[in-house]
Amino acid sequence: MYNGKYLRLYEYLKKKEKELSQYTLTFNEMEHILQFNLPVSAYKYSAWWANEIDGMHTQARSWMLAGWKTSDVIVGKKITFKK
C-alpha cells in the first residue's frame, strides 16, 4: 500500500493493473489524475522517472507498489508503464 503525495497515481495504476500489461500516460493526463502539476524536474530529467523503490523518490514508489515500472519515458511528453 502507498499513501504519499502520489496516492492518486497509485490508485489509478492499481486499477489498470487488472486490465492491461502496458499503459501510456501523457504528462497532461498524469497531472489531471494527480490534480497538481508535476515538478519541473519531471519535465527535465529522465532520472525522475527511475524505478527506485528505496531512497527519496516517493513518486517511483507510487507506481512500483501499484505493480508497474516505467519503461519508455519521453521527458516532458509521455511515460509508458509496464508490468
Protein backbone atom coordinates (compact mmCIF):
# COMPACT_ATOMS: atom_id res chain seq x y z
CA MET A 1 0.00 0.00 0.00
CA TYR A 2 1.13 3.52 -0.79
CA ASN A 3 -0.08 6.67 0.99
CA GLY A 4 2.15 9.52 -0.17
CA LYS A 5 1.83 12.60 -2.35
CA TYR A 6 1.29 10.47 -5.48
CA LEU A 7 -1.57 8.43 -4.00
CA ARG A 8 -3.95 9.27 -6.86
CA LEU A 9 -1.46 7.89 -9.38
CA TYR A 10 -1.02 4.75 -7.27
CA GLU A 11 -4.79 4.20 -7.10
CA TYR A 12 -5.22 4.85 -10.82
CA LEU A 13 -2.47 2.44 -11.85
CA LYS A 14 -3.62 -0.16 -9.34
CA LYS A 15 -6.99 -0.27 -11.13
CA LYS A 16 -5.28 -0.55 -14.53
CA GLU A 17 -3.17 -3.47 -13.26
CA LYS A 18 -6.11 -5.83 -13.73
CA GLU A 19 -6.82 -4.67 -17.29
CA LEU A 20 -3.51 -4.09 -19.04
CA SER A 21 0.12 -5.15 -19.13
CA GLN A 22 1.29 -1.83 -20.59
CA TYR A 23 -0.13 1.65 -20.22
CA THR A 24 0.97 5.05 -21.54
CA LEU A 25 0.10 8.40 -19.99
CA THR A 26 0.92 11.86 -21.26
CA PHE A 27 2.21 14.37 -18.76
CA ASN A 28 -1.09 16.25 -19.04
CA GLU A 29 -3.07 13.10 -18.29
CA MET A 30 -0.88 12.37 -15.30
CA GLU A 31 -1.33 15.88 -13.93
CA HIS A 32 -5.09 15.53 -14.39
CA ILE A 33 -5.02 12.28 -12.38
CA LEU A 34 -2.81 13.79 -9.66
CA GLN A 35 -4.71 17.11 -9.58
CA PHE A 36 -1.45 19.02 -9.38
CA ASN A 37 1.44 19.88 -11.68
CA LEU A 38 4.46 17.63 -11.84
CA PRO A 39 7.67 19.26 -10.65
CA VAL A 40 10.00 20.89 -13.18
CA SER A 41 12.50 18.06 -12.66
CA ALA A 42 9.92 15.55 -14.01
CA TYR A 43 9.85 17.57 -17.23
CA LYS A 44 13.64 17.85 -17.50
CA TYR A 45 15.25 14.65 -16.20
CA SER A 46 14.57 11.04 -17.11
CA ALA A 47 16.13 10.10 -13.74
CA TRP A 48 12.99 11.46 -12.05
CA TRP A 49 11.17 8.51 -13.65
CA ALA A 50 13.66 5.87 -12.47
CA ASN A 51 12.26 2.72 -10.90
CA GLU A 52 13.76 3.27 -7.46
CA ILE A 53 11.73 1.99 -4.54
CA ASP A 54 14.34 2.97 -1.94
CA GLY A 55 15.62 6.47 -1.44
CA MET A 56 13.98 9.81 -1.90
CA HIS A 57 11.85 9.12 -4.99
CA THR A 58 8.40 8.81 -3.46
CA GLN A 59 6.87 9.12 -6.92
CA ALA A 60 8.56 5.86 -8.00
CA ARG A 61 7.11 4.05 -5.01
CA SER A 62 3.62 5.03 -6.18
CA TRP A 63 3.87 3.17 -9.50
CA MET A 64 6.09 0.35 -8.28
CA LEU A 65 3.86 -0.52 -5.32
CA ALA A 66 0.92 -0.49 -7.75
CA GLY A 67 2.73 -3.22 -9.74
CA TRP A 68 4.25 -1.15 -12.56
CA LYS A 69 7.66 0.03 -13.79
CA THR A 70 8.39 2.89 -16.13
CA SER A 71 9.62 1.68 -19.46
CA ASP A 72 9.64 4.28 -22.20
CA VAL A 73 9.99 7.84 -20.97
CA ILE A 74 9.81 10.75 -23.37
CA VAL A 75 10.66 13.55 -20.98
CA GLY A 76 8.08 16.30 -20.99
CA LYS A 77 5.63 14.31 -23.13
CA LYS A 78 4.68 10.79 -22.07
CA ILE A 79 5.55 7.75 -19.96
CA THR A 80 4.86 4.09 -20.61
CA PHE A 81 4.35 1.82 -17.63
CA LYS A 82 4.81 -1.93 -17.92
CA LYS A 83 4.25 -4.84 -15.56
